[in-house]
Protein backbone atom coordinates (compact mmCIF):
# COMPACT_ATOMS: atom_id res chain seq x y z
CA MET A 1 0.00 0.00 0.00
CA LYS A 2 1.34 3.40 -0.97
CA THR A 3 -0.16 6.82 -0.39
CA GLU A 4 0.13 8.82 -3.59
CA ILE A 5 -1.74 11.88 -2.28
CA LEU A 6 -2.71 12.99 1.21
CA THR A 7 -3.82 16.62 1.44
CA LEU A 8 -6.27 19.12 2.85
CA CYS A 9 -8.14 21.24 0.34
CA ASP A 10 -11.04 23.61 -0.23
CA TYR A 11 -12.84 21.25 -2.62
CA ALA A 12 -12.40 17.77 -4.09
CA GLN A 13 -14.31 15.50 -6.43
CA ASP A 14 -13.85 11.92 -7.63
CA ASN A 15 -15.19 11.43 -11.15
CA ASN A 16 -14.90 7.70 -11.93
CA GLY A 17 -11.36 7.53 -10.58
CA LYS A 18 -10.28 10.93 -11.90
CA LEU A 19 -9.50 13.08 -8.87
CA THR A 20 -10.00 16.85 -8.87
CA ILE A 21 -8.44 18.81 -6.00
CA ILE A 22 -8.81 22.58 -5.59
CA GLY A 23 -6.98 24.78 -3.10
CA THR A 24 -4.61 22.53 -1.16
CA PHE A 25 -3.30 23.86 2.14
CA ASN A 26 -1.54 22.88 5.36
CA THR A 27 -2.03 26.12 7.31
CA ILE A 28 -5.24 27.70 8.60
CA SER A 29 -5.23 31.32 9.83
CA SER A 30 -7.67 33.17 12.05
CA GLN A 31 -7.77 36.47 13.91
CA VAL A 32 -9.86 35.06 16.77
CA PHE A 33 -10.08 31.80 18.74
CA PRO A 34 -12.00 29.64 19.18
CA PHE A 35 -12.33 29.46 15.42
CA THR A 36 -14.51 27.23 13.25
CA GLN A 37 -13.18 26.33 9.82
CA ASN A 38 -16.01 25.92 7.34
CA LEU A 39 -16.18 23.12 4.80
CA PHE A 40 -12.87 21.58 3.77
CA TYR A 41 -11.81 18.15 2.52
CA ILE A 42 -9.25 15.58 3.57
CA VAL A 43 -8.26 13.73 0.39
CA VAL A 44 -6.22 10.59 -0.05
CA ARG A 45 -5.26 8.57 -3.11
CA VAL A 46 -3.89 5.14 -2.24
CA ALA A 47 -2.37 2.47 -4.48
CA PHE A 48 -2.77 -1.17 -3.41
CA GLU A 49 -0.67 -4.01 -4.75
CA LYS A 50 -1.88 -7.51 -5.52
CA GLY A 51 -2.81 -9.22 -2.26
CA GLU A 52 -3.91 -5.96 -0.60
CA PHE A 53 -7.62 -6.17 -1.28
CA GLY A 54 -10.94 -6.63 0.45
CA ASP A 55 -12.86 -4.56 2.97
CA LEU A 56 -10.33 -2.65 5.04
CA PRO A 57 -11.01 -0.65 8.21
CA LEU A 58 -10.54 3.06 7.66
CA LYS A 59 -10.15 5.92 10.13
CA CYS A 60 -9.23 9.55 9.69
CA SER A 61 -8.63 11.77 12.73
CA ILE A 62 -7.39 15.23 13.58
CA ASN A 63 -5.12 15.20 16.64
CA ASP A 64 -3.46 18.01 18.59
CA SER A 65 0.26 18.20 19.36
CA SER A 66 -0.15 15.96 22.43
CA ASN A 67 -1.83 13.37 20.14
CA LYS A 68 -5.27 13.95 21.70
CA GLU A 69 -7.94 13.09 19.14
CA LEU A 70 -10.15 16.12 18.46
CA GLY A 71 -12.42 14.47 15.92
CA SER A 72 -12.56 11.46 13.63
CA LEU A 73 -14.43 9.67 10.89
CA SER A 74 -14.31 5.90 10.44
CA GLY A 75 -15.71 3.14 8.30
CA THR A 76 -14.48 0.64 5.75
CA CYS A 77 -13.20 0.94 2.22
CA HIS A 78 -13.52 -1.75 -0.39
CA VAL A 79 -10.47 -2.48 -2.50
CA ALA A 80 -11.17 -4.72 -5.50
CA GLN A 81 -8.53 -7.32 -6.31
CA PRO A 82 -6.56 -6.10 -9.31
CA ASP A 83 -6.09 -8.51 -12.22
CA LYS A 84 -2.46 -7.43 -12.41
CA GLY A 85 -0.39 -4.51 -11.23
CA PHE A 86 -2.17 -2.42 -8.63
CA ALA A 87 -5.53 -0.90 -7.71
CA THR A 88 -5.91 2.79 -6.89
CA ILE A 89 -8.70 4.33 -4.86
CA ASN A 90 -9.57 7.91 -4.01
CA ILE A 91 -11.06 8.65 -0.60
CA LEU A 92 -12.64 12.02 0.14
CA PHE A 93 -13.59 13.09 3.65
CA PRO A 94 -15.73 16.23 3.58
CA VAL A 95 -15.40 18.05 6.91
CA PRO A 96 -18.40 20.42 7.15
CA GLN A 97 -17.07 22.36 10.15
CA PHE A 98 -14.18 21.89 12.54
CA SER A 99 -13.44 24.02 15.60
CA PHE A 100 -9.99 24.95 16.85
CA THR A 101 -9.87 26.36 20.38
CA ALA A 102 -6.36 27.77 19.99
CA PRO A 103 -3.53 28.07 17.47
CA GLY A 104 -1.03 25.23 17.33
CA SER A 105 0.34 22.19 15.56
CA PHE A 106 -2.08 19.44 14.59
CA HIS A 107 -1.90 16.18 12.66
CA VAL A 108 -4.31 14.52 10.29
CA ILE A 109 -3.86 10.77 10.75
CA LEU A 110 -5.22 8.30 8.23
CA SER A 111 -5.29 4.58 9.06
CA ILE A 112 -6.18 1.98 6.43
CA GLY A 113 -5.93 -1.66 7.39
CA GLY A 114 -2.72 -1.84 9.40
CA SER A 115 -1.02 1.19 7.80
CA SER A 116 -1.04 4.79 9.01
CA PHE A 117 -0.18 8.02 7.24
CA GLU A 118 0.20 11.46 8.77
CA LEU A 119 -0.18 15.02 7.49
CA PRO A 120 0.85 18.09 9.52
CA LEU A 121 -1.58 20.99 9.93
CA THR A 122 -0.64 24.36 11.42
CA VAL A 123 -3.25 26.74 12.82
CA VAL A 124 -1.98 30.28 13.35
CA LYS A 125 -3.33 33.49 14.83
CA ILE A 126 -2.91 36.52 12.62
CA ALA A 127 -3.02 40.10 13.78
CA GLU A 128 -6.28 41.97 13.34
CA SER A 129 -5.94 44.40 10.49
CA ASN A 130 -6.13 48.09 11.23
CA THR A 131 -8.80 49.64 9.02
CA ASN A 132 -8.14 53.24 10.17
CA ASN A 133 -6.57 55.31 7.44
CA LYS A 134 -4.43 58.01 9.08
């Protein structure tokens, strides 16, 4: 099993195996906390070799820097046995809203079968802009 893509993005779509990803990012900025990030996607494209097929347990979580799980989605993914070579699947996790109580370092952790993959996410506080023209 090999992860070809693991990213956060503004929008994603799987069209019969053709993956469209718009607006990838690994940093979220806000002027105030707590902050709720509106809809975003966690997207993964995984290649499976012969022998890596069937219904595999799947879990995607967002953890803080102390590895405390802040939220997760889980289920199973079906990987069809390839005739030869490998099978590739696209998995899209739409996250309608996710709240961050403070800035910091976070990790998106994806587990498929017995394998895990990790993606860093940084949440930063930005200064409020001064709208006074002097």
